Amino acid sequence: MASPNHGARRGGDRPRLIVLHYPAMESAQAALARLCDPAAEVSAHYLIGTDGHVWRLVEEARRAWHAGRGAWGGIADVNSASIGIELHNRGDHPFPAPQMAALEVVLRGGTGRWDIGPEGVLGHSDCAVGRKRDPGPRFDWRGLARAGLAVWPEAGTPGNFLADAARAGWRAPAGCEDAEGAVLAAVRLRLRPWATGPVTEADRALVAGLAARWPAPEA
């Protein structure tokens, strides 16, 4: 399938990140229709169904419209610097094994073609702090890290939570009234999805460990 919703990557950029999403729609066909609808002005490079079927919608060299407003480290135009992958899921159930297996195949291809390390594989919630939650708390980041396709930090020395989160890549949107709360929610979706309450030593230790090993990319 070919989506018309794409353009040239701005400033001659190339894929340096891969961003994972879910469309929160009832079926993969409904998601496919939306991602290919010119009126929707949204797309992704790939859509992966729960049965592992993969649709390629936009050529990787093109800029798909999947990330919207957001940032990761010094990268302010995430669309121009990333490949977007949609995983069919409503956001309320786990990701099936066939779907995760297909995701690993797509990730190995994309990371290999563009020399993207595991630290460059993100959730939409990572680069759209305070705005997006996908791929959500049920996504198996630890398993993806075991496959060498994402990162999972060892605890570091707890420090300044916001400073270490910024070093790792998380950025609260400009004008955010509760930057720490917004960043904490994004960090926990990735590392401690069922944690609640204010920042803890565990949060500080994990984000310090991540910042020390995989500092955020520059612009």
Protein backbone atom coordinates (compact mmCIF):
# COMPACT_ATOMS: atom_id res chain seq x y z
CA MET A 1 0.00 0.00 0.00
CA ALA A 2 1.20 3.51 -0.75
CA SER A 3 0.25 6.49 1.39
CA PRO A 4 0.26 9.91 -0.27
CA ASN A 5 1.09 11.55 3.06
CA HIS A 6 4.82 12.16 2.85
CA GLY A 7 7.41 14.62 1.60
CA ALA A 8 11.13 15.29 1.41
CA ARG A 9 13.15 15.14 4.61
CA ARG A 10 13.95 18.70 5.61
CA GLY A 11 17.49 20.01 5.57
CA GLY A 12 18.81 16.89 3.90
CA ASP A 13 18.25 14.88 7.08
CA ARG A 14 18.30 11.08 7.15
CA PRO A 15 16.70 8.52 9.48
CA ARG A 16 18.48 8.57 12.84
CA LEU A 17 15.54 7.37 14.94
CA ILE A 18 12.76 4.80 14.66
CA VAL A 19 9.52 5.74 16.43
CA LEU A 20 6.95 3.14 17.48
CA HIS A 21 3.22 3.93 17.65
CA TYR A 22 -0.18 2.34 17.95
CA PRO A 23 -3.16 3.77 16.03
CA ALA A 24 -5.79 2.97 18.73
CA MET A 25 -8.28 1.84 16.06
CA GLU A 26 -10.54 -1.21 15.97
CA SER A 27 -8.85 -2.94 13.05
CA ALA A 28 -5.67 -2.86 11.00
CA GLN A 29 -7.78 -2.14 7.92
CA ALA A 30 -9.25 0.94 9.60
CA ALA A 31 -5.76 2.10 10.52
CA LEU A 32 -4.57 1.42 6.97
CA ALA A 33 -7.40 3.48 5.52
CA ARG A 34 -6.59 6.43 7.77
CA LEU A 35 -2.86 6.28 7.14
CA CYS A 36 -3.51 6.34 3.38
CA ASP A 37 -6.22 9.04 3.45
CA PRO A 38 -4.90 12.36 2.09
CA ALA A 39 -7.49 14.23 4.13
CA ALA A 40 -6.12 12.75 7.37
CA GLU A 41 -2.62 14.14 6.71
CA VAL A 42 -1.04 11.34 8.76
CA SER A 43 1.04 8.34 7.77
CA ALA A 44 3.86 6.04 8.80
CA HIS A 45 6.48 4.09 6.95
CA TYR A 46 5.07 0.75 8.12
CA LEU A 47 1.94 -0.73 9.68
CA ILE A 48 2.20 -4.12 11.39
CA GLY A 49 -0.91 -6.17 12.12
CA THR A 50 -1.44 -8.38 15.15
CA ASP A 51 -0.90 -11.44 12.93
CA GLY A 52 2.49 -10.13 11.82
CA HIS A 53 1.41 -8.86 8.40
CA VAL A 54 3.50 -5.84 7.37
CA TRP A 55 2.36 -3.05 5.06
CA ARG A 56 4.96 -0.65 3.71
CA LEU A 57 3.27 2.70 3.22
CA VAL A 58 6.09 5.20 2.66
CA GLU A 59 9.63 4.70 1.35
CA GLU A 60 12.15 5.02 4.18
CA ALA A 61 14.03 7.81 2.42
CA ARG A 62 10.90 9.99 2.51
CA ARG A 63 9.50 11.99 5.43
CA ALA A 64 6.29 10.34 6.69
CA TRP A 65 3.87 12.33 8.84
CA HIS A 66 3.76 10.25 12.00
CA ALA A 67 5.41 12.08 14.90
CA GLY A 68 3.75 15.50 14.90
CA ARG A 69 5.03 18.06 17.39
CA GLY A 70 7.80 16.74 19.55
CA ALA A 71 11.53 16.42 20.10
CA TRP A 72 14.21 14.02 21.19
CA GLY A 73 17.46 15.45 22.48
CA GLY A 74 18.53 18.13 20.03
CA ILE A 75 16.24 16.84 17.26
CA ALA A 76 13.25 19.18 16.90
CA ASP A 77 11.85 17.81 13.62
CA VAL A 78 11.38 14.16 14.52
CA ASN A 79 9.57 13.37 11.26
CA SER A 80 12.60 14.40 9.20
CA ALA A 81 14.94 12.31 11.36
CA SER A 82 12.92 9.14 11.81
CA ILE A 83 11.16 6.09 10.46
CA GLY A 84 7.64 5.60 11.86
CA ILE A 85 6.17 2.16 12.61
CA GLU A 86 2.52 1.70 13.58
CA LEU A 87 1.63 -1.47 15.51
CA HIS A 88 -2.06 -2.26 15.31
CA ASN A 89 -3.29 -2.07 18.90
CA ARG A 90 -6.13 -0.25 20.62
CA GLY A 91 -3.86 0.57 23.55
CA ASP A 92 -5.65 -1.76 25.95
CA HIS A 93 -4.10 -5.16 25.25
CA PRO A 94 -0.63 -6.75 24.90
CA PHE A 95 1.21 -6.98 21.59
CA PRO A 96 1.00 -10.57 20.25
CA ALA A 97 4.10 -12.65 19.58
CA PRO A 98 3.65 -12.70 15.75
CA GLN A 99 3.43 -8.91 15.73
CA MET A 100 6.54 -8.52 17.87
CA ALA A 101 8.43 -11.01 15.71
CA ALA A 102 7.53 -9.01 12.59
CA LEU A 103 8.55 -5.80 14.33
CA GLU A 104 11.97 -7.28 15.04
CA VAL A 105 12.41 -8.10 11.35
CA VAL A 106 11.41 -4.58 10.29
CA LEU A 107 13.65 -3.01 12.95
CA ARG A 108 16.66 -5.09 11.98
CA GLY A 109 16.22 -3.99 8.39
CA GLY A 110 15.77 -0.31 9.19
CA THR A 111 18.53 -0.07 11.76
CA GLY A 112 20.91 -1.88 9.45
CA ARG A 113 20.17 0.22 6.38
CA TRP A 114 20.52 3.53 8.25
CA ASP A 115 23.09 2.60 10.92
CA ILE A 116 20.71 3.34 13.79
CA GLY A 117 21.75 1.99 17.19
CA PRO A 118 19.31 0.52 19.73
CA GLU A 119 19.28 3.85 21.56
CA GLY A 120 17.56 5.34 18.49
CA VAL A 121 14.45 3.13 18.82
CA LEU A 122 11.82 5.19 20.67
CA GLY A 123 8.17 5.26 21.58
CA HIS A 124 5.97 8.11 20.43
CA SER A 125 5.56 8.91 24.12
CA ASP A 126 9.33 9.48 24.38
CA CYS A 127 9.44 12.22 21.75
CA ALA A 128 5.97 13.73 22.34
CA VAL A 129 6.16 14.26 26.10
CA GLY A 130 2.83 15.18 27.65
CA ARG A 131 0.98 14.63 24.38
CA LYS A 132 1.20 10.92 23.44
CA ARG A 133 1.24 7.59 25.31
CA ASP A 134 1.88 5.07 22.55
CA PRO A 135 3.07 2.36 22.33
CA GLY A 136 1.84 2.37 25.92
CA PRO A 137 2.45 0.48 29.17
CA ARG A 138 1.86 -2.98 27.67
CA PHE A 139 4.67 -2.73 25.14
CA ASP A 140 7.61 -5.04 25.95
CA TRP A 141 10.59 -2.69 25.87
CA ARG A 142 12.68 -5.03 27.99
CA GLY A 143 12.15 -7.89 25.52
CA LEU A 144 13.04 -5.66 22.59
CA ALA A 145 16.22 -4.66 24.43
CA ARG A 146 17.11 -8.33 24.98
CA ALA A 147 16.89 -8.72 21.19
CA GLY A 148 19.39 -5.85 20.81
CA LEU A 149 16.80 -3.54 19.26
CA ALA A 150 16.18 -1.06 22.09
CA VAL A 151 17.87 -0.01 25.30
CA TRP A 152 17.19 -1.01 28.87
CA PRO A 153 19.35 0.77 31.44
CA GLU A 154 21.15 -0.54 34.44
CA ALA A 155 20.55 1.64 37.48
CA GLY A 156 23.03 4.48 37.86
CA THR A 157 23.76 6.85 40.72
CA PRO A 158 20.56 8.79 41.41
CA GLY A 159 20.94 12.47 40.58
CA ASN A 160 18.85 15.36 39.31
CA PHE A 161 15.91 13.68 37.61
CA LEU A 162 15.05 16.38 35.06
CA ALA A 163 18.68 17.05 34.15
CA ASP A 164 19.43 13.36 33.60
CA ALA A 165 16.19 12.87 31.65
CA ALA A 166 17.20 15.75 29.38
CA ARG A 167 20.65 14.22 28.88
CA ALA A 168 18.96 10.98 27.85
CA GLY A 169 16.64 12.75 25.39
CA TRP A 170 13.30 13.52 27.08
CA ARG A 171 12.17 17.13 26.68
CA ALA A 172 9.07 18.71 28.15
CA PRO A 173 7.21 20.95 25.68
CA ALA A 174 7.85 24.68 25.87
CA GLY A 175 5.61 26.38 28.38
CA CYS A 176 4.75 23.17 30.21
CA GLU A 177 3.56 24.11 33.71
CA ASP A 178 4.66 20.80 35.25
CA ALA A 179 7.77 19.78 33.34
CA GLU A 180 8.85 17.23 35.92
CA GLY A 181 5.43 15.57 35.97
CA ALA A 182 5.24 15.40 32.18
CA VAL A 183 8.74 13.97 31.81
CA LEU A 184 8.18 11.53 34.69
CA ALA A 185 5.08 10.16 32.96
CA ALA A 186 7.02 9.65 29.73
CA VAL A 187 10.00 8.04 31.47
CA ARG A 188 7.74 5.68 33.40
CA LEU A 189 5.82 4.63 30.28
CA ARG A 190 9.17 3.40 28.97
CA LEU A 191 10.88 2.08 32.11
CA ARG A 192 8.38 1.68 34.98
CA PRO A 193 4.90 1.65 33.39
CA TRP A 194 2.92 0.71 36.48
CA ALA A 195 4.68 3.06 38.93
CA THR A 196 2.69 5.89 40.50
CA GLY A 197 3.30 8.89 42.70
CA PRO A 198 6.13 11.44 42.74
CA VAL A 199 9.68 10.86 41.51
CA THR A 200 11.45 8.09 43.42
CA GLU A 201 15.05 6.98 43.81
CA ALA A 202 14.29 4.15 41.36
CA ASP A 203 13.22 6.69 38.71
CA ARG A 204 16.34 8.77 39.30
CA ALA A 205 18.62 5.74 39.17
CA LEU A 206 17.22 4.35 35.92
CA VAL A 207 17.24 7.64 34.05
CA ALA A 208 20.77 8.37 35.32
CA GLY A 209 21.90 5.01 34.02
CA LEU A 210 20.32 5.65 30.64
CA ALA A 211 21.79 9.16 30.34
CA ALA A 212 25.27 7.89 31.18
CA ARG A 213 25.27 5.14 28.54
CA TRP A 214 23.16 6.63 25.74
CA PRO A 215 23.27 10.45 25.74
CA ALA A 216 20.70 12.24 23.61
CA PRO A 217 21.44 12.94 19.93
CA GLU A 218 22.40 16.42 18.84
CA ALA A 219 20.47 18.46 16.29
